[in-house]
Protein backbone atom coordinates (compact mmCIF):
# COMPACT_ATOMS: atom_id res chain seq x y z
CA MET A 1 9.36 1.27 -18.48
CA LEU A 2 11.02 4.71 -18.36
CA SER A 3 13.52 5.62 -21.00
CA THR A 4 17.11 6.38 -19.79
CA GLU A 5 16.63 9.98 -20.91
CA ILE A 6 13.61 10.39 -18.56
CA LYS A 7 15.40 8.67 -15.67
CA ASN A 8 18.47 11.00 -16.17
CA LYS A 9 16.17 14.09 -16.07
CA ILE A 10 14.56 12.90 -12.81
CA GLN A 11 17.98 12.33 -11.29
CA LEU A 12 19.11 15.89 -12.42
CA LEU A 13 15.92 17.31 -10.66
CA TRP A 14 17.02 15.44 -7.46
CA ASP A 15 20.56 16.57 -7.75
CA ARG A 16 19.56 20.16 -8.17
CA LEU A 17 17.12 20.03 -5.14
CA TRP A 18 19.75 18.43 -2.91
CA ALA A 19 22.36 20.83 -3.95
CA GLY A 20 19.82 23.61 -3.26
CA GLY A 21 19.28 22.49 0.40
CA LEU A 22 16.19 20.12 0.18
CA SER A 23 18.12 17.04 1.31
CA ASN A 24 15.04 15.39 2.88
CA PRO A 25 13.45 13.19 0.04
CA ILE A 26 9.90 13.57 1.54
CA THR A 27 10.12 17.39 1.76
CA ALA A 28 11.56 17.49 -1.87
CA ILE A 29 8.92 15.36 -3.36
CA ASP A 30 6.19 17.34 -1.57
CA ASN A 31 7.39 20.54 -3.39
CA ILE A 32 7.73 18.69 -6.62
CA SER A 33 4.02 17.63 -6.16
CA TYR A 34 3.01 21.32 -5.70
CA LEU A 35 4.69 22.29 -8.94
CA ILE A 36 3.23 19.37 -10.88
CA PHE A 37 -0.21 20.30 -9.64
CA MET A 38 0.28 23.83 -10.89
CA LYS A 39 1.47 22.50 -14.23
CA ARG A 40 -1.56 20.37 -14.75
CA LEU A 41 -4.09 22.93 -13.39
CA GLU A 42 -5.07 24.44 -16.72
CA ASN A 43 -5.70 20.89 -18.07
CA PHE A 44 -8.42 20.26 -15.53
CA HIS A 45 -9.72 24.02 -15.38
CA PRO A 46 -10.42 25.27 -18.95
CA GLY A 47 -11.74 28.57 -17.54
CA LEU A 48 -8.62 29.20 -15.54
CA SER A 49 -7.43 32.89 -15.58
CA ASP A 50 -4.21 33.34 -17.60
CA GLU A 51 -2.47 34.60 -14.59
CA PHE A 52 -2.52 31.26 -12.91
CA LYS A 53 -1.69 29.13 -16.02
CA TRP A 54 1.72 27.36 -16.15
CA SER A 55 2.12 27.96 -19.74
CA LYS A 56 1.92 31.74 -19.24
CA PHE A 57 4.52 31.98 -16.42
CA ASN A 58 7.01 29.03 -16.87
CA ASN A 59 9.45 30.89 -18.96
CA LEU A 60 9.72 33.79 -16.18
CA GLU A 61 13.08 34.10 -14.59
CA GLY A 62 14.55 34.68 -11.11
CA SER A 63 12.56 36.68 -8.47
CA GLU A 64 9.69 37.39 -10.99
CA LEU A 65 9.06 33.45 -11.49
CA LYS A 66 9.30 33.17 -7.52
CA SER A 67 6.70 35.83 -7.03
CA LYS A 68 4.36 34.19 -9.54
CA ILE A 69 4.70 30.74 -8.12
CA ASP A 70 3.88 32.22 -4.57
CA SER A 71 0.84 33.87 -6.09
CA VAL A 72 -0.46 30.70 -7.73
CA PHE A 73 0.28 28.73 -4.57
CA THR A 74 -1.84 31.30 -2.52
CA PHE A 75 -4.62 31.11 -5.16
CA ILE A 76 -4.69 27.30 -4.80
CA GLN A 77 -4.93 27.33 -0.96
CA ASN A 78 -7.58 30.14 -0.87
CA ASP A 79 -9.84 29.76 -3.94
CA LEU A 80 -9.52 26.05 -5.09
CA SER A 81 -9.73 24.16 -1.78
CA ASN A 82 -13.10 22.68 -2.20
CA ASP A 83 -14.63 19.21 -2.73
CA ASP A 84 -13.85 19.28 -6.32
CA GLU A 85 -10.10 19.77 -5.79
CA PRO A 86 -9.16 17.28 -2.85
CA PHE A 87 -5.34 17.97 -3.42
CA ALA A 88 -5.94 21.69 -2.99
CA ILE A 89 -7.68 21.17 0.28
CA GLU A 90 -4.56 19.38 1.61
CA MET A 91 -2.47 22.21 0.42
CA LYS A 92 -4.33 24.69 2.59
CA ASN A 93 -1.95 24.45 5.53
CA ALA A 94 1.16 23.63 3.35
CA ARG A 95 4.18 25.82 2.79
CA PHE A 96 6.17 26.21 -0.40
CA GLY A 97 9.74 25.28 0.39
CA ILE A 98 11.78 26.26 -2.62
CA SER A 99 12.98 29.84 -1.65
CA ILE A 100 15.87 30.35 -3.90
CA PRO A 101 14.73 31.79 -7.21
CA SER A 102 17.66 30.37 -9.35
CA LEU A 103 16.88 26.79 -7.84
CA LEU A 104 13.04 27.28 -8.63
CA GLU A 105 13.84 28.33 -12.18
CA ASP A 106 16.02 25.12 -12.67
CA VAL A 107 13.24 22.89 -11.24
CA VAL A 108 10.52 24.36 -13.42
CA LYS A 109 12.69 23.93 -16.53
CA ILE A 110 13.39 20.28 -15.68
CA ILE A 111 9.66 19.48 -14.84
CA ASP A 112 8.84 20.91 -18.28
CA ASP A 113 11.54 18.79 -19.94
CA ILE A 114 10.27 15.67 -18.16
CA PHE A 115 6.72 16.26 -19.47
CA TYR A 116 8.00 16.94 -22.96
CA LEU A 117 9.75 13.63 -22.94
CA VAL A 118 6.77 11.72 -21.58
CA GLU A 119 4.59 13.32 -24.51
CA GLU A 120 7.25 12.17 -26.96
CA GLU A 121 6.96 8.67 -25.52
CA GLU A 122 3.26 8.83 -25.74
CA LYS A 123 3.65 9.37 -29.56
CA LYS A 124 5.26 5.88 -29.66
CA ASP A 125 1.86 4.26 -28.64
CA GLN A 126 2.44 4.16 -24.87
CA HIS A 127 -0.10 5.35 -22.50
CA PHE A 128 0.53 8.91 -21.35
CA GLN A 129 -0.88 8.31 -17.89
CA ASP A 130 1.10 4.98 -17.60
CA ILE A 131 4.41 6.82 -18.19
CA LEU A 132 3.37 9.69 -15.83
CA GLY A 133 2.64 7.27 -13.21
CA ASP A 134 6.09 5.58 -13.70
CA VAL A 135 7.83 9.06 -13.55
CA TYR A 136 6.22 9.48 -10.05
CA GLU A 137 6.94 6.04 -8.96
CA TYR A 138 10.54 6.61 -9.84
CA LEU A 139 10.63 9.93 -7.94
CA LEU A 140 8.99 7.97 -4.93
CA SER A 141 11.81 5.42 -5.03
CA ALA A 142 14.06 8.05 -3.50
CA THR A 143 11.94 8.26 -0.49
CA ASN A 144 12.81 4.73 0.38
CA GLU A 145 15.77 6.35 2.09
CA ALA A 146 13.52 7.84 4.72
CA GLY A 147 12.15 4.39 5.84
CA LYS A 148 12.19 4.41 9.67
CA ASN A 149 9.98 3.74 12.57
CA GLY A 150 8.08 1.01 10.61
CA GLN A 151 7.04 3.48 7.99
CA PHE A 152 8.37 2.58 4.53
CA ARG A 153 6.91 1.97 1.08
CA THR A 154 5.70 -1.61 0.32
CA PRO A 155 7.52 -3.05 -2.49
CA ARG A 156 5.49 -2.59 -5.79
CA HIS A 157 5.56 -6.20 -6.75
CA ILE A 158 4.04 -7.10 -3.37
CA ILE A 159 1.31 -4.63 -3.89
CA GLN A 160 0.61 -6.11 -7.34
CA MET A 161 0.45 -9.58 -6.07
CA MET A 162 -1.97 -8.48 -3.20
CA SER A 163 -4.29 -6.68 -5.77
CA GLU A 164 -4.38 -9.93 -7.72
CA LEU A 165 -5.21 -11.84 -4.64
CA VAL A 166 -7.95 -9.43 -3.51
CA ALA A 167 -9.36 -9.04 -7.07
CA PRO A 168 -11.31 -5.77 -6.51
CA ASN A 169 -14.00 -4.74 -8.97
CA ILE A 170 -16.54 -1.87 -9.24
CA ASP A 171 -19.52 -3.86 -10.31
CA ASN A 172 -21.52 -2.17 -7.48
CA GLU A 173 -21.91 1.66 -7.82
CA GLU A 174 -21.07 2.16 -4.16
CA THR A 175 -17.68 0.37 -4.17
CA LYS A 176 -15.08 1.94 -2.14
CA ILE A 177 -11.51 0.80 -1.79
CA CYS A 178 -9.51 1.98 1.16
CA ASP A 179 -6.10 1.95 2.82
CA VAL A 180 -6.11 2.62 6.52
CA THR A 181 -2.60 4.02 6.49
CA SER A 182 -2.14 5.13 2.90
CA GLY A 183 1.22 6.77 2.79
CA SER A 184 2.26 7.21 -0.82
CA SER A 185 -1.02 5.47 -1.81
CA GLY A 186 0.76 2.46 -3.45
CA PHE A 187 -2.00 0.05 -2.55
CA LEU A 188 -4.64 2.38 -3.94
CA VAL A 189 -2.82 2.65 -7.17
CA GLY A 190 -2.31 -0.99 -7.29
CA ALA A 191 -6.04 -1.66 -6.89
CA TYR A 192 -6.76 0.83 -9.68
CA GLN A 193 -4.27 -0.66 -12.10
CA TYR A 194 -5.75 -4.13 -11.33
CA ILE A 195 -9.34 -2.94 -12.13
CA LEU A 196 -8.00 -1.28 -15.43
CA LYS A 197 -6.26 -4.52 -16.34
CA GLU A 198 -9.45 -6.49 -15.85
CA ASN A 199 -11.19 -4.04 -18.15
CA SER A 200 -8.43 -3.60 -20.78
CA LYS A 201 -8.64 -5.09 -24.29
CA MET A 202 -4.81 -5.31 -24.59
CA VAL A 203 -3.20 -7.13 -21.67
CA THR A 204 0.64 -7.84 -21.41
CA PHE A 205 2.95 -9.04 -18.72
CA ASP A 206 5.07 -7.06 -16.32
CA GLU A 207 8.61 -7.58 -17.31
CA GLU A 208 9.94 -7.92 -13.72
CA ASN A 209 7.29 -10.20 -12.13
CA GLN A 210 5.28 -11.68 -14.96
CA LEU A 211 1.95 -10.46 -13.58
CA GLU A 212 -0.60 -9.44 -16.01
CA LYS A 213 -0.66 -5.76 -16.91
CA GLY A 214 -3.30 -3.70 -18.82
CA LEU A 215 -4.00 -0.07 -18.70
CA ASP A 216 -6.20 0.84 -21.57
CA GLY A 217 -9.48 0.24 -19.72
CA LYS A 218 -11.47 0.18 -22.92
CA LYS A 219 -14.02 -2.23 -21.65
CA LEU A 220 -15.20 0.33 -19.07
CA THR A 221 -18.42 2.38 -19.85
CA GLN A 222 -18.13 6.16 -19.62
CA LYS A 223 -20.17 5.91 -16.33
CA LYS A 224 -17.93 3.14 -14.90
CA ASN A 225 -14.76 5.00 -15.92
CA GLN A 226 -15.91 8.19 -14.06
CA GLN A 227 -16.79 6.01 -11.01
CA LEU A 228 -13.46 4.43 -11.08
CA LYS A 229 -11.56 7.65 -11.30
CA GLU A 230 -13.70 9.90 -9.08
CA ASP A 231 -15.54 7.85 -6.49
CA THR A 232 -13.61 4.69 -5.74
CA PHE A 233 -10.40 5.36 -3.91
CA TYR A 234 -10.18 6.43 -0.18
CA GLY A 235 -7.23 6.65 2.17
CA PHE A 236 -6.19 8.00 5.61
CA ASP A 237 -2.89 8.99 6.87
CA ILE A 238 -1.51 10.59 10.02
CA ASP A 239 1.17 12.55 8.16
CA ALA A 240 -0.19 15.57 6.07
CA THR A 241 2.83 15.55 3.85
CA MET A 242 2.31 11.90 2.98
CA VAL A 243 -1.35 12.65 2.23
CA ARG A 244 -0.37 15.09 -0.39
CA ILE A 245 2.29 12.79 -1.77
CA GLY A 246 -0.14 9.97 -2.03
CA MET A 247 -2.90 12.00 -3.71
CA MET A 248 -0.32 13.21 -6.39
CA ASN A 249 0.77 9.65 -6.91
CA MET A 250 -2.95 8.66 -7.59
CA MET A 251 -3.45 11.72 -9.81
CA MET A 252 -0.34 10.98 -11.86
CA HIS A 253 -1.58 7.45 -12.51
CA GLY A 254 -4.94 8.80 -13.66
CA ILE A 255 -7.17 8.89 -10.68
CA LYS A 256 -8.87 12.33 -11.08
CA LYS A 257 -10.41 12.62 -7.43
CA PRO A 258 -8.36 10.76 -4.92
CA HIS A 259 -10.12 10.93 -1.38
CA VAL A 260 -7.27 10.94 1.20
CA VAL A 261 -7.91 12.57 4.50
CA ASN A 262 -5.25 13.55 7.19
CA LEU A 263 -6.22 11.79 10.28
CA ASN A 264 -5.42 8.84 12.62
CA THR A 265 -7.81 5.98 11.95
CA LEU A 266 -7.27 4.47 15.23
CA SER A 267 -8.54 7.56 17.10
CA SER A 268 -11.96 9.10 17.53
CA GLU A 269 -10.89 11.53 14.60
CA TYR A 270 -12.11 8.66 12.27
CA GLU A 271 -15.71 8.67 13.66
CA ASP A 272 -15.71 12.48 13.81
CA PHE A 273 -14.90 12.78 10.20
CA PHE A 274 -17.97 10.71 9.25
CA ARG A 275 -20.23 12.39 11.75
CA ARG A 276 -19.29 15.88 10.25
CA LYS A 277 -19.85 14.50 6.87
CA PHE A 278 -23.26 13.15 7.82
CA GLU A 279 -24.16 16.56 9.37
CA ARG A 280 -23.19 18.25 6.03
CA GLU A 281 -25.56 15.89 4.14
CA ILE A 282 -28.51 16.69 6.52
CA THR A 283 -27.83 20.49 6.05
CA LEU A 284 -27.90 19.90 2.24
CA GLU A 285 -31.17 17.85 2.66
CA ASN A 286 -32.77 20.95 4.25
CA ILE A 287 -32.04 23.23 1.34
CA ILE A 288 -32.81 21.05 -1.81
CA ASP A 289 -36.02 19.47 -3.12
CA GLY A 290 -37.03 16.44 -5.20
CA LYS A 291 -35.13 13.31 -6.05
CA ILE A 292 -31.90 14.48 -4.43
CA LYS A 293 -33.52 15.15 -1.10
CA ALA A 294 -35.17 11.75 -1.27
CA LYS A 295 -31.89 10.07 -2.07
CA ILE A 296 -30.21 11.68 0.99
CA THR A 297 -33.11 10.88 3.18
CA VAL A 298 -32.72 7.15 2.32
CA LYS A 299 -28.95 7.39 2.84
CA ARG A 300 -29.63 8.97 6.29
CA SER A 301 -32.01 6.21 7.35
CA LYS A 302 -29.63 3.47 6.50
CA LYS A 303 -27.02 5.06 8.97
CA ILE A 304 -29.43 5.70 11.90
CA SER A 305 -28.82 2.22 13.51
CA LYS A 306 -25.01 2.90 13.38
CA THR A 307 -25.05 6.38 14.54
CA GLU A 308 -27.20 5.60 17.52
CA ASN A 309 -24.29 3.83 19.10
CA ASN A 310 -21.63 6.34 17.66
CA PHE A 311 -20.62 3.74 15.04
CA TRP A 312 -19.67 6.41 12.55
CA GLY A 313 -17.67 5.16 9.54
CA MET A 314 -18.61 1.48 10.20
CA GLU A 315 -19.00 -0.81 7.32
CA GLU A 316 -18.12 1.76 4.72
CA TYR A 317 -15.58 0.08 2.59
CA SER A 318 -15.80 -2.87 -0.01
CA TYR A 319 -12.07 -3.56 -0.12
CA ILE A 320 -9.27 -2.73 2.16
CA LEU A 321 -5.50 -3.16 1.40
CA ALA A 322 -3.00 -2.24 3.92
CA ASN A 323 0.44 -2.57 5.48
CA PRO A 324 -0.03 -0.77 8.77
CA PRO A 325 3.08 0.20 10.85
CA PHE A 326 4.93 -2.42 12.69
CA ALA A 327 6.06 -2.48 16.42
CA ALA A 328 4.41 0.85 17.22
CA LYS A 329 2.70 1.55 20.50
CA VAL A 330 0.03 4.18 21.23
CA ASN A 331 -1.43 5.74 24.25
CA SER A 332 -4.80 4.22 25.24
CA LYS A 333 -6.26 7.62 25.83
CA SER A 334 -5.88 8.58 22.08
CA ILE A 335 -7.75 5.44 20.81
CA SER A 336 -11.40 5.47 19.66
CA THR A 337 -13.90 4.08 22.18
CA ASN A 338 -15.24 1.77 19.46
CA LEU A 339 -11.95 -0.19 19.46
CA ASN A 340 -12.71 -1.99 22.71
CA ARG A 341 -12.67 -5.72 21.75
CA ILE A 342 -8.97 -6.78 22.12
CA TYR A 343 -7.91 -4.59 25.06
CA GLU A 344 -9.66 -3.94 28.35
CA ILE A 345 -9.35 -0.17 28.65
CA ASN A 346 -8.95 0.99 32.26
CA GLU A 347 -10.18 4.56 32.17
CA GLY A 348 -8.08 5.72 35.14
CA LYS A 349 -4.85 4.19 33.81
CA ILE A 350 -2.92 5.04 30.73
CA GLN A 351 -1.90 1.89 28.83
CA SER A 352 0.46 1.29 25.78
CA LEU A 353 -1.41 -0.62 23.03
CA GLN A 354 -0.04 -2.49 20.00
CA THR A 355 -1.06 -0.64 16.68
CA GLU A 356 -0.82 -3.72 14.49
CA LEU A 357 -3.56 -5.33 16.63
CA LEU A 358 -5.71 -2.17 16.76
CA PHE A 359 -5.40 -1.69 12.89
CA LEU A 360 -6.75 -5.22 12.38
CA GLU A 361 -9.82 -4.43 14.85
CA ARG A 362 -10.37 -1.25 12.92
CA ILE A 363 -10.22 -2.84 9.40
CA VAL A 364 -12.84 -5.38 10.57
CA TYR A 365 -14.94 -2.44 11.80
CA MET A 366 -14.56 -0.47 8.54
CA LEU A 367 -15.29 -3.41 6.07
CA LYS A 368 -18.85 -3.82 4.71
CA LYS A 369 -20.48 -7.13 5.02
CA ASN A 370 -18.76 -9.42 2.48
CA GLY A 371 -16.05 -6.79 2.12
CA ARG A 372 -12.59 -8.30 1.53
CA ALA A 373 -9.23 -7.40 2.85
CA ALA A 374 -5.50 -8.09 2.36
CA VAL A 375 -3.34 -7.04 5.13
CA ILE A 376 0.44 -7.34 5.80
CA ILE A 377 1.16 -8.07 9.40
CA PRO A 378 4.34 -9.00 11.49
CA GLU A 379 4.31 -12.71 12.33
CA GLY A 380 4.24 -12.11 16.03
CA VAL A 381 0.61 -11.32 15.46
CA LEU A 382 0.07 -14.95 14.38
CA PHE A 383 1.55 -16.79 17.35
CA ASN A 384 2.13 -14.27 20.33
CA SER A 385 0.30 -15.85 23.44
CA GLY A 386 -0.75 -12.55 24.85
CA LYS A 387 -4.43 -11.98 25.52
CA ALA A 388 -4.77 -9.22 23.12
CA TYR A 389 -3.15 -11.23 20.25
CA LYS A 390 -5.40 -14.09 20.99
CA ALA A 391 -8.45 -11.87 20.98
CA THR A 392 -7.49 -10.34 17.65
CA ARG A 393 -6.97 -13.77 16.03
CA GLU A 394 -10.34 -14.77 17.41
CA ILE A 395 -12.16 -11.77 15.91
CA LEU A 396 -10.62 -12.76 12.45
CA LEU A 397 -11.92 -16.28 12.71
CA LYS A 398 -15.36 -15.36 13.98
CA ASP A 399 -16.26 -12.11 12.33
CA CYS A 400 -14.71 -13.08 9.09
CA ASP A 401 -13.95 -15.97 6.81
CA LEU A 402 -10.16 -15.96 7.16
CA GLU A 403 -9.36 -17.42 3.77
CA ALA A 404 -5.50 -17.48 3.82
CA VAL A 405 -2.28 -16.85 5.63
CA ILE A 406 0.56 -16.40 3.06
CA SER A 407 3.95 -16.38 4.71
CA LEU A 408 6.29 -13.99 3.08
CA PRO A 409 10.21 -14.70 3.07
CA SER A 410 12.29 -12.93 5.63
CA GLY A 411 13.91 -9.94 3.99
CA VAL A 412 10.90 -8.64 1.94
CA PHE A 413 11.33 -5.27 3.69
CA ASN A 414 15.18 -5.03 3.77
CA PRO A 415 17.00 -2.82 4.30
CA TYR A 416 14.53 -1.06 6.41
CA SER A 417 13.11 -3.80 8.49
CA GLY A 418 14.12 -7.46 8.98
CA VAL A 419 10.77 -8.32 10.54
CA LYS A 420 9.11 -11.66 9.21
CA THR A 421 5.71 -10.87 7.82
CA SER A 422 2.62 -12.61 6.43
CA ILE A 423 -0.39 -11.50 4.34
CA LEU A 424 -3.88 -12.10 5.76
CA LEU A 425 -6.71 -12.44 3.27
CA PHE A 426 -10.11 -12.31 4.81
CA THR A 427 -13.82 -11.53 4.07
CA LYS A 428 -16.04 -9.91 6.65
CA LYS A 429 -19.21 -11.91 7.41
CA GLN A 430 -20.77 -10.61 10.71
CA PHE A 431 -19.54 -7.87 13.08
CA ARG A 432 -19.19 -9.03 16.82
CA SER A 433 -20.14 -12.67 15.86
CA ASP A 434 -20.12 -15.33 18.67
CA LYS A 435 -19.69 -18.19 16.27
CA TYR A 436 -16.95 -19.03 13.62
CA HIS A 437 -17.47 -17.84 10.02
CA THR A 438 -14.07 -19.51 9.17
CA ARG A 439 -14.32 -23.27 8.59
CA LYS A 440 -10.71 -23.73 7.49
CA VAL A 441 -7.63 -21.61 6.70
CA TRP A 442 -5.43 -21.95 3.57
CA PHE A 443 -1.67 -21.53 4.40
CA TYR A 444 0.96 -20.93 1.84
CA GLY A 445 4.72 -20.39 2.32
CA MET A 446 6.75 -18.25 -0.12
CA ASP A 447 10.36 -19.12 -0.33
CA SER A 448 11.23 -16.14 -2.58
CA ASP A 449 9.46 -12.98 -3.92
CA GLY A 450 11.77 -12.90 -6.95
CA TYR A 451 14.40 -10.69 -5.48
CA THR A 452 17.48 -11.30 -3.37
CA LEU A 453 16.54 -11.08 0.46
CA ASP A 454 19.77 -8.98 1.43
CA ASN A 455 19.92 -5.30 1.62
CA SER A 456 20.48 -5.07 -2.08
CA ARG A 457 17.20 -6.62 -3.11
CA ARG A 458 18.34 -7.20 -6.62
CA LYS A 459 15.99 -8.96 -9.22
CA ILE A 460 16.80 -12.65 -9.51
CA LYS A 461 17.10 -13.85 -13.10
CA ASN A 462 14.22 -16.13 -14.20
CA ASP A 463 12.61 -16.24 -10.90
CA PHE A 464 9.01 -15.41 -11.05
CA PRO A 465 7.18 -16.78 -7.90
CA LEU A 466 4.38 -14.17 -7.77
CA PRO A 467 2.08 -15.55 -10.51
CA GLN A 468 2.47 -19.09 -8.98
CA THR A 469 1.40 -17.77 -5.60
CA VAL A 470 -1.78 -16.18 -7.16
CA LYS A 471 -2.58 -19.21 -9.37
CA GLN A 472 -2.19 -21.55 -6.22
CA TYR A 473 -4.53 -19.23 -4.21
CA LYS A 474 -7.26 -18.98 -6.95
CA THR A 475 -7.27 -22.61 -7.53
CA ARG A 476 -6.97 -23.79 -3.97
CA ASP A 477 -10.43 -25.23 -3.85
CA GLU A 478 -10.12 -27.02 -7.15
CA LYS A 479 -7.42 -29.28 -5.94
CA SER A 480 -7.49 -31.99 -3.27
CA HIS A 481 -5.56 -30.34 -0.54
CA SER A 482 -5.53 -32.97 2.18
CA GLN A 483 -5.57 -31.44 5.63
CA LYS A 484 -3.27 -34.42 6.79
CA ASP A 485 -0.51 -33.93 4.13
CA ARG A 486 1.26 -30.76 5.12
CA LYS A 487 4.50 -31.45 3.34
CA GLN A 488 3.78 -29.26 0.41
CA LYS A 489 4.07 -25.45 0.43
CA HIS A 490 0.35 -25.11 0.84
CA PHE A 491 -2.31 -26.90 2.98
CA TYR A 492 -5.60 -26.44 4.84
CA VAL A 493 -5.95 -26.36 8.58
CA PRO A 494 -9.48 -26.74 10.12
CA VAL A 495 -10.69 -24.07 12.62
CA SER A 496 -11.16 -26.62 15.24
CA GLU A 497 -7.34 -27.34 15.18
CA ILE A 498 -6.62 -23.70 15.22
CA GLU A 499 -8.74 -23.09 18.14
CA GLU A 500 -7.04 -26.10 20.07
CA ASN A 501 -3.67 -24.30 19.38
CA GLY A 502 -4.79 -21.02 21.09
CA PHE A 503 -5.87 -19.59 17.64
CA GLU A 504 -2.29 -19.61 16.40
CA LEU A 505 -1.95 -18.86 12.71
CA ASN A 506 1.78 -19.46 12.27
CA TYR A 507 2.59 -21.26 9.04
CA ASN A 508 5.56 -23.11 10.68
CA LEU A 509 3.37 -24.50 13.47
CA TYR A 510 1.26 -26.41 10.98
CA LYS A 511 3.77 -27.13 8.30
CA GLU A 512 5.33 -30.68 8.39
CA PHE A 513 8.98 -30.29 7.48
CA VAL A 514 10.78 -33.18 5.84
CA PHE A 515 14.36 -33.70 6.98
CA GLU A 516 16.45 -35.83 4.79
CA GLU A 517 18.93 -38.15 6.54
CA THR A 518 22.46 -37.64 5.45
CA SER A 519 24.82 -40.50 5.58
CA TYR A 520 28.66 -40.28 6.18
CA GLU A 521 31.38 -42.62 5.89
CA GLU A 522 32.76 -44.55 8.82
CA PRO A 523 34.98 -42.36 11.08
CA ALA A 524 37.88 -44.69 10.78
CA LYS A 525 37.74 -44.68 6.91
CA LEU A 526 37.66 -40.65 7.08
CA LEU A 527 40.65 -40.68 9.44
CA LYS A 528 42.51 -42.81 7.09
CA GLN A 529 41.82 -40.61 4.16
CA VAL A 530 42.90 -37.50 6.17
CA LEU A 531 46.22 -39.22 7.18
CA LYS A 532 46.89 -40.07 3.60
CA ILE A 533 46.42 -36.45 2.53
CA GLU A 534 48.70 -35.35 5.33
CA GLU A 535 51.33 -37.77 4.26
CA GLU A 536 51.22 -36.55 0.57
CA LEU A 537 51.42 -32.91 1.87
CA PHE A 538 54.49 -33.86 3.86
CA LEU A 539 56.23 -35.48 0.89
CA SER A 540 55.41 -32.50 -1.26
CA LEU A 541 57.01 -30.05 1.22
CA LYS A 542 60.11 -32.30 1.43
CA GLN A 543 60.45 -32.20 -2.32
CA LEU A 544 60.03 -28.46 -2.32
CA GLU A 545 62.75 -28.25 0.36
CA LYS A 546 65.27 -30.10 -1.90
CA GLU A 547 64.63 -27.82 -4.77
CA LEU A 548 65.39 -24.49 -2.80
């Protein structure tokens, strides 16, 4: 929890930027991210030249400070943009947007003040990285104002719950966790914090939602800690600015090397990215010897079967958490040829395709065998009778074990979208399967997420439904959930019944609602009571008239 003093400093930072002309929150936080990266540069590069060290130029003033910042910015773009500095790579085509020297001077001073306050909090036994992460989350909260066209931040408590439901781990050294539309990387941070919690000696509870929280990660070996912070988290986003913001969010939370790429995962850009990566590995294979060469050769042979059919980037990820954009349509000519299962593409005709369906198809493509996913989707995906919608649901039931459909309450994404949504939880079993790998689906209806469902989204006192949802999901097979008794909030439905209903996965279709009969008094008796009240009112008015 951030102190009031830190929050006030962050608000002061926003006030100065807005007054200085950076009124777009996304643009403002992008520029703040550049400066934070500059400030932290010397911590990660001990041999950094003094001329590029924040501690050597942060006290400069006016145009001299502006000139130095521009110089450091150019240094990052030209000299640091390599595989060891993913954030610097994404800065390569960026432009520094604070042009007023006096404004830049104020912003640098406020950033220094914030970091000083964070260090003071650290001395009180709080985790430095935890506080820095909270600082960036607080900064990001202002970007909610930019929510539009289906693009907005998923509420933090929903991300925490989904991370608990998926329960990612890094037991395997090749574990990769991905978000196909990563935005500010909230899901990747949520997965990181879940793994830290599972490997922490001291675990507490989040004050707002009562989910477990632990950030010391002391049970991790040095090797596993390095794997977690450098080789685990991957994201893709079509917006270059959001890529940088998302990477900084991860770094501020303690992830040293976030792997986020600026591309459209629905297009052939995704396959091209993996093809180029593979070609670089082959080039490396030709110039090195010994064990490393052998390792790359093995890696190459494993991919041959996929690359023969241009299936680049297929079955890459162990876990995927995502909230893809709703209600967006794309041109069929911009879509990867590997996404050909739910739409019949006519090469001579341009079609408009629903992105929420294509993202589900892509996620199934990207997941490793036995890889798990948690995806938020608009409820139309669950019941729309269109051919593409049915095909998407059939893929989920056949290629995957569709474990759960959790119906979220309407209003979770207020004030940016009133669309009713659900969470799908599934495990990939076999790509392009012709038989069902789902035997039954667990349905759960959430009446509340712990916050009011109007535009204010205020916390409801003593309402903590998220831990209960997680508990019910994790213990669903330990209880005797009758498939016939569907009066409760949760129940199973066999895949045979789902197939009979056109693959519909709508919670309300299968839920048995109980309506209590309300009895009223006889109409004649009610009329008599109304007449009596009318008579008493008339007498009262007469009495009042006499007194006037």
